[in-house]
Structure formats: C-alpha cells, structure tokens
Amino acid sequence: MAQMIAACGLDCAGCPALIASRTNDQGLRERTATEWSKAYGFECTPEMVNCHGCFATDGVQIGHCADCEIRKCAVGKKLKNCAACGDYPCATVSGFLANCPDAKRNLDALRG
C-alpha cells in the first residue's frame, strides 16, 4: 500500500488498525489489541482495532485520532495534512512532532 499520510504526518498505511479494517483481518485485530494493551497500559479489545484513516468521514478512527486537535485543524482548513499549511510547524503540531520524528520526516519531505 502506498503512503497514506495523516494530518500529523503519521503514515496510516502501516497502521495495523487500518490494515485490519481494510482486510477484515480478525487475527490482526486480536494480535494488535494484545500488543497495544501491553505497550500502552490499557485494555485494548479487538473491537477497538478499526480505523478507516485520518480523514474518513464515517467517524471510524482509532483511539485518539477521532478527537485529535491536529486532525481537527487540518479538516477545518481543508488541508491534506500539516505539510500543506502556511503556518507549519505551528504550536498545535510541534509538540507531537518532537516526540514522533518519523511523522516530522514525512511532513518535511512533503513540503520539499
């Protein structure tokens, strides 16, 4: 699958929640739920491992993505992602990018 860059710069194409949703892979949902429960210290169930992507309009986004301020800003400005914003990098995305260098690399590459 080609890159699918979210508003924040994460590559959704590699997210197991998106992959499981697109392929209806219950085994992947179960493995991901187990991994995320251990890694992030909360009870993640297979039913929670569904996502249609950052900009899906049906409301199926994984975890925090549905309420993400970065996503809300990009949607409000009708942008594909933060790389397309004249204010990049703003205060809304800077803190996230400081903790997620892969996302920053993706956005910086898109800005060229």
N, C-alpha and C. Protein backbone atom coordinates (compact mmCIF):
# COMPACT_ATOMS: atom_id res chain seq x y z
N MET A 1 0.85 -1.18 0.00
CA MET A 1 0.00 0.00 0.00
C MET A 1 0.90 1.24 0.00
N ALA A 2 0.59 2.21 -0.81
CA ALA A 2 1.34 3.46 -0.86
C ALA A 2 1.17 4.22 0.45
N GLN A 3 2.00 5.20 0.66
CA GLN A 3 1.88 6.01 1.86
C GLN A 3 0.50 6.66 1.91
N MET A 4 0.02 6.82 3.13
CA MET A 4 -1.25 7.50 3.38
C MET A 4 -0.98 8.40 4.59
N ILE A 5 -0.51 9.62 4.32
CA ILE A 5 -0.04 10.49 5.38
C ILE A 5 -1.21 11.20 6.06
N ALA A 6 -1.29 11.01 7.37
CA ALA A 6 -2.32 11.65 8.19
C ALA A 6 -2.01 13.13 8.35
N ALA A 7 -2.91 13.86 8.92
CA ALA A 7 -2.72 15.28 9.16
C ALA A 7 -1.42 15.54 9.91
N CYS A 8 -1.12 14.72 10.89
CA CYS A 8 0.03 14.89 11.76
C CYS A 8 1.33 14.40 11.15
N GLY A 9 1.27 13.68 10.04
CA GLY A 9 2.46 13.16 9.41
C GLY A 9 2.67 11.67 9.57
N LEU A 10 1.88 11.02 10.42
CA LEU A 10 2.00 9.57 10.55
C LEU A 10 1.57 8.91 9.24
N ASP A 11 2.16 7.79 8.93
CA ASP A 11 1.79 7.05 7.73
C ASP A 11 0.73 6.01 8.10
N CYS A 12 -0.50 6.32 7.84
CA CYS A 12 -1.63 5.44 8.18
C CYS A 12 -1.54 4.09 7.47
N ALA A 13 -0.89 4.05 6.32
CA ALA A 13 -0.83 2.82 5.53
C ALA A 13 -0.17 1.69 6.31
N GLY A 14 0.70 2.01 7.26
CA GLY A 14 1.36 0.98 8.06
C GLY A 14 0.66 0.66 9.36
N CYS A 15 -0.45 1.30 9.63
CA CYS A 15 -1.16 1.11 10.90
C CYS A 15 -1.96 -0.19 10.86
N PRO A 16 -1.76 -1.07 11.84
CA PRO A 16 -2.48 -2.33 11.84
C PRO A 16 -4.00 -2.16 11.96
N ALA A 17 -4.46 -1.08 12.56
CA ALA A 17 -5.91 -0.86 12.67
C ALA A 17 -6.51 -0.59 11.29
N LEU A 18 -5.83 0.21 10.49
CA LEU A 18 -6.31 0.48 9.13
C LEU A 18 -6.23 -0.79 8.28
N ILE A 19 -5.12 -1.50 8.39
CA ILE A 19 -4.95 -2.72 7.61
C ILE A 19 -6.01 -3.75 7.99
N ALA A 20 -6.24 -3.94 9.28
CA ALA A 20 -7.25 -4.91 9.74
C ALA A 20 -8.64 -4.52 9.26
N SER A 21 -8.93 -3.23 9.27
CA SER A 21 -10.24 -2.76 8.81
C SER A 21 -10.42 -3.02 7.32
N ARG A 22 -9.40 -2.70 6.55
CA ARG A 22 -9.50 -2.84 5.09
C ARG A 22 -9.56 -4.30 4.65
N THR A 23 -8.88 -5.17 5.40
CA THR A 23 -8.82 -6.58 5.02
C THR A 23 -9.75 -7.47 5.83
N ASN A 24 -10.44 -6.85 6.81
CA ASN A 24 -11.31 -7.58 7.74
C ASN A 24 -10.56 -8.77 8.36
N ASP A 25 -9.36 -8.48 8.86
CA ASP A 25 -8.47 -9.49 9.43
C ASP A 25 -8.63 -9.54 10.94
N GLN A 26 -9.48 -10.46 11.41
CA GLN A 26 -9.75 -10.58 12.84
C GLN A 26 -8.50 -10.99 13.61
N GLY A 27 -7.67 -11.84 13.05
CA GLY A 27 -6.42 -12.24 13.71
C GLY A 27 -5.51 -11.05 13.96
N LEU A 28 -5.40 -10.17 12.97
CA LEU A 28 -4.58 -8.96 13.13
C LEU A 28 -5.17 -8.07 14.21
N ARG A 29 -6.49 -7.94 14.25
CA ARG A 29 -7.13 -7.16 15.31
C ARG A 29 -6.77 -7.73 16.69
N GLU A 30 -6.85 -9.03 16.82
CA GLU A 30 -6.58 -9.67 18.11
C GLU A 30 -5.11 -9.50 18.51
N ARG A 31 -4.18 -9.71 17.58
CA ARG A 31 -2.76 -9.54 17.88
C ARG A 31 -2.45 -8.08 18.24
N THR A 32 -3.02 -7.16 17.49
CA THR A 32 -2.78 -5.75 17.74
C THR A 32 -3.34 -5.33 19.09
N ALA A 33 -4.54 -5.80 19.43
CA ALA A 33 -5.14 -5.48 20.72
C ALA A 33 -4.25 -5.96 21.86
N THR A 34 -3.71 -7.16 21.73
CA THR A 34 -2.83 -7.70 22.76
C THR A 34 -1.56 -6.85 22.87
N GLU A 35 -0.94 -6.55 21.72
CA GLU A 35 0.28 -5.74 21.71
C GLU A 35 0.05 -4.36 22.29
N TRP A 36 -1.02 -3.69 21.87
CA TRP A 36 -1.28 -2.33 22.35
C TRP A 36 -1.65 -2.32 23.83
N SER A 37 -2.34 -3.33 24.30
CA SER A 37 -2.66 -3.42 25.73
C SER A 37 -1.38 -3.43 26.55
N LYS A 38 -0.42 -4.24 26.14
CA LYS A 38 0.86 -4.34 26.85
C LYS A 38 1.68 -3.06 26.69
N ALA A 39 1.77 -2.57 25.49
CA ALA A 39 2.64 -1.43 25.20
C ALA A 39 2.14 -0.13 25.82
N TYR A 40 0.81 0.05 25.83
CA TYR A 40 0.26 1.34 26.25
C TYR A 40 -0.50 1.30 27.57
N GLY A 41 -0.55 0.13 28.22
CA GLY A 41 -1.11 0.03 29.56
C GLY A 41 -2.60 0.29 29.68
N PHE A 42 -3.37 -0.13 28.68
CA PHE A 42 -4.83 -0.03 28.79
C PHE A 42 -5.41 -1.28 28.15
N GLU A 43 -6.64 -1.58 28.48
CA GLU A 43 -7.26 -2.76 27.91
C GLU A 43 -7.81 -2.45 26.53
N CYS A 44 -7.08 -2.87 25.54
CA CYS A 44 -7.49 -2.69 24.15
C CYS A 44 -8.14 -4.00 23.71
N THR A 45 -9.31 -3.90 23.16
CA THR A 45 -10.00 -5.09 22.67
C THR A 45 -9.95 -5.13 21.15
N PRO A 46 -10.10 -6.31 20.56
CA PRO A 46 -10.10 -6.39 19.09
C PRO A 46 -11.15 -5.49 18.45
N GLU A 47 -12.27 -5.28 19.13
CA GLU A 47 -13.32 -4.42 18.58
C GLU A 47 -12.87 -2.96 18.46
N MET A 48 -11.86 -2.59 19.23
CA MET A 48 -11.34 -1.23 19.20
C MET A 48 -10.35 -1.02 18.04
N VAL A 49 -9.89 -2.09 17.44
CA VAL A 49 -8.85 -2.02 16.41
C VAL A 49 -9.50 -1.93 15.03
N ASN A 50 -10.05 -0.78 14.77
CA ASN A 50 -10.68 -0.47 13.49
C ASN A 50 -10.42 0.99 13.17
N CYS A 51 -10.08 1.27 11.94
CA CYS A 51 -9.86 2.64 11.52
C CYS A 51 -10.01 2.70 10.01
N HIS A 52 -10.59 3.78 9.52
CA HIS A 52 -10.72 3.99 8.09
C HIS A 52 -9.82 5.12 7.60
N GLY A 53 -8.94 5.58 8.46
CA GLY A 53 -7.99 6.63 8.09
C GLY A 53 -8.31 7.96 8.71
N CYS A 54 -7.31 8.79 8.78
CA CYS A 54 -7.40 10.09 9.43
C CYS A 54 -8.55 10.94 8.90
N PHE A 55 -8.75 10.91 7.61
CA PHE A 55 -9.75 11.80 7.02
C PHE A 55 -11.06 11.11 6.63
N ALA A 56 -11.28 9.91 7.16
CA ALA A 56 -12.54 9.22 6.89
C ALA A 56 -13.69 10.05 7.45
N THR A 57 -14.76 10.09 6.72
CA THR A 57 -15.92 10.88 7.15
C THR A 57 -16.97 10.06 7.87
N ASP A 58 -16.73 8.75 8.00
CA ASP A 58 -17.70 7.89 8.67
C ASP A 58 -17.47 7.79 10.18
N GLY A 59 -16.46 8.48 10.70
CA GLY A 59 -16.21 8.50 12.13
C GLY A 59 -15.46 7.30 12.66
N VAL A 60 -14.91 6.46 11.79
CA VAL A 60 -14.17 5.29 12.25
C VAL A 60 -12.68 5.62 12.22
N GLN A 61 -12.20 6.15 13.36
CA GLN A 61 -10.79 6.41 13.55
C GLN A 61 -10.36 5.73 14.85
N ILE A 62 -9.12 5.28 14.88
CA ILE A 62 -8.61 4.56 16.03
C ILE A 62 -8.32 5.51 17.19
N GLY A 63 -8.72 5.11 18.36
CA GLY A 63 -8.35 5.81 19.60
C GLY A 63 -8.49 7.31 19.55
N HIS A 64 -7.41 7.98 19.86
CA HIS A 64 -7.37 9.44 19.97
C HIS A 64 -7.57 10.15 18.63
N CYS A 65 -7.35 9.46 17.55
CA CYS A 65 -7.42 10.11 16.23
C CYS A 65 -8.76 10.80 15.98
N ALA A 66 -9.83 10.23 16.50
CA ALA A 66 -11.15 10.83 16.29
C ALA A 66 -11.26 12.21 16.94
N ASP A 67 -10.51 12.43 18.03
CA ASP A 67 -10.58 13.69 18.77
C ASP A 67 -9.34 14.55 18.61
N CYS A 68 -8.43 14.16 17.75
CA CYS A 68 -7.13 14.80 17.61
C CYS A 68 -7.26 16.26 17.16
N GLU A 69 -6.64 17.16 17.90
CA GLU A 69 -6.68 18.59 17.57
C GLU A 69 -5.95 18.88 16.25
N ILE A 70 -4.89 18.12 15.98
CA ILE A 70 -4.16 18.30 14.72
C ILE A 70 -5.08 17.95 13.55
N ARG A 71 -5.76 16.82 13.66
CA ARG A 71 -6.70 16.38 12.62
C ARG A 71 -7.82 17.40 12.45
N LYS A 72 -8.39 17.85 13.57
CA LYS A 72 -9.49 18.82 13.51
C LYS A 72 -9.06 20.10 12.80
N CYS A 73 -7.84 20.55 13.08
CA CYS A 73 -7.33 21.75 12.44
C CYS A 73 -7.20 21.56 10.93
N ALA A 74 -6.59 20.45 10.53
CA ALA A 74 -6.41 20.19 9.09
C ALA A 74 -7.75 20.06 8.38
N VAL A 75 -8.69 19.37 8.99
CA VAL A 75 -10.02 19.23 8.39
C VAL A 75 -10.68 20.61 8.28
N GLY A 76 -10.58 21.40 9.33
CA GLY A 76 -11.17 22.75 9.32
C GLY A 76 -10.58 23.64 8.24
N LYS A 77 -9.29 23.46 7.98
CA LYS A 77 -8.61 24.26 6.95
C LYS A 77 -8.66 23.60 5.57
N LYS A 78 -9.29 22.42 5.50
CA LYS A 78 -9.41 21.66 4.26
C LYS A 78 -8.04 21.34 3.65
N LEU A 79 -7.12 20.88 4.52
CA LEU A 79 -5.78 20.52 4.10
C LEU A 79 -5.60 19.01 4.11
N LYS A 80 -4.75 18.49 3.24
CA LYS A 80 -4.45 17.05 3.22
C LYS A 80 -3.65 16.65 4.45
N ASN A 81 -2.81 17.55 4.94
CA ASN A 81 -2.01 17.32 6.13
C ASN A 81 -1.32 18.63 6.49
N CYS A 82 -0.59 18.62 7.59
CA CYS A 82 0.04 19.85 8.07
C CYS A 82 1.12 20.39 7.13
N ALA A 83 1.69 19.54 6.31
CA ALA A 83 2.71 20.00 5.36
C ALA A 83 2.15 21.04 4.41
N ALA A 84 0.87 21.00 4.15
CA ALA A 84 0.24 21.93 3.22
C ALA A 84 -0.17 23.25 3.88
N CYS A 85 0.10 23.39 5.15
CA CYS A 85 -0.33 24.58 5.90
C CYS A 85 0.76 25.66 5.89
N GLY A 86 0.37 26.88 5.65
CA GLY A 86 1.29 28.00 5.67
C GLY A 86 1.85 28.29 7.05
N ASP A 87 1.21 27.78 8.09
CA ASP A 87 1.67 28.00 9.46
C ASP A 87 2.55 26.87 9.99
N TYR A 88 2.85 25.88 9.16
CA TYR A 88 3.65 24.73 9.59
C TYR A 88 5.09 25.15 9.88
N PRO A 89 5.66 24.69 10.96
CA PRO A 89 5.08 23.94 12.07
C PRO A 89 4.53 24.88 13.13
N CYS A 90 3.29 24.72 13.46
CA CYS A 90 2.63 25.57 14.45
C CYS A 90 2.68 24.91 15.83
N ALA A 91 2.15 25.60 16.83
CA ALA A 91 2.14 25.09 18.19
C ALA A 91 1.29 23.82 18.31
N THR A 92 0.26 23.70 17.47
CA THR A 92 -0.63 22.54 17.54
C THR A 92 0.11 21.25 17.20
N VAL A 93 1.00 21.28 16.22
CA VAL A 93 1.67 20.06 15.77
C VAL A 93 3.10 19.91 16.32
N SER A 94 3.73 20.98 16.73
CA SER A 94 5.14 20.94 17.12
C SER A 94 5.44 19.98 18.26
N GLY A 95 4.61 19.97 19.30
CA GLY A 95 4.84 19.07 20.43
C GLY A 95 4.78 17.61 20.01
N PHE A 96 3.82 17.29 19.17
CA PHE A 96 3.69 15.93 18.67
C PHE A 96 4.91 15.54 17.86
N LEU A 97 5.34 16.42 16.96
CA LEU A 97 6.47 16.11 16.09
C LEU A 97 7.76 15.95 16.86
N ALA A 98 7.89 16.64 17.99
CA ALA A 98 9.09 16.49 18.82
C ALA A 98 9.22 15.07 19.35
N ASN A 99 8.09 14.39 19.52
CA ASN A 99 8.07 13.02 20.04
C ASN A 99 7.90 11.96 18.96
N CYS A 100 7.73 12.40 17.72
CA CYS A 100 7.49 11.44 16.64
C CYS A 100 8.29 11.86 15.40
N PRO A 101 9.60 11.56 15.41
CA PRO A 101 10.45 12.00 14.30
C PRO A 101 10.05 11.44 12.94
N ASP A 102 9.44 10.25 12.89
CA ASP A 102 9.00 9.70 11.60
C ASP A 102 7.93 10.59 10.98
N ALA A 103 7.01 11.07 11.80
CA ALA A 103 5.95 11.95 11.29
C ALA A 103 6.54 13.27 10.79
N LYS A 104 7.50 13.80 11.52
CA LYS A 104 8.15 15.05 11.10
C LYS A 104 8.87 14.85 9.77
N ARG A 105 9.58 13.74 9.62
CA ARG A 105 10.26 13.46 8.35
C ARG A 105 9.28 13.39 7.21
N ASN A 106 8.12 12.75 7.44
CA ASN A 106 7.10 12.64 6.38
C ASN A 106 6.60 14.02 5.97
N LEU A 107 6.27 14.87 6.96
CA LEU A 107 5.75 16.20 6.63
C LEU A 107 6.82 17.06 5.96
N ASP A 108 8.05 17.00 6.49
CA ASP A 108 9.13 17.79 5.89
C ASP A 108 9.39 17.36 4.45
N ALA A 109 9.32 16.07 4.18
CA ALA A 109 9.52 15.56 2.82
C ALA A 109 8.42 16.06 1.89
N LEU A 110 7.19 16.10 2.38
CA LEU A 110 6.08 16.59 1.56
C LEU A 110 6.23 18.09 1.27
N ARG A 111 6.79 18.82 2.20
CA ARG A 111 7.00 20.26 1.97
C ARG A 111 8.11 20.50 0.97
N GLY A 112 9.02 19.51 0.87
CA GLY A 112 10.11 19.58 -0.12
C GLY A 112 11.01 20.71 0.15
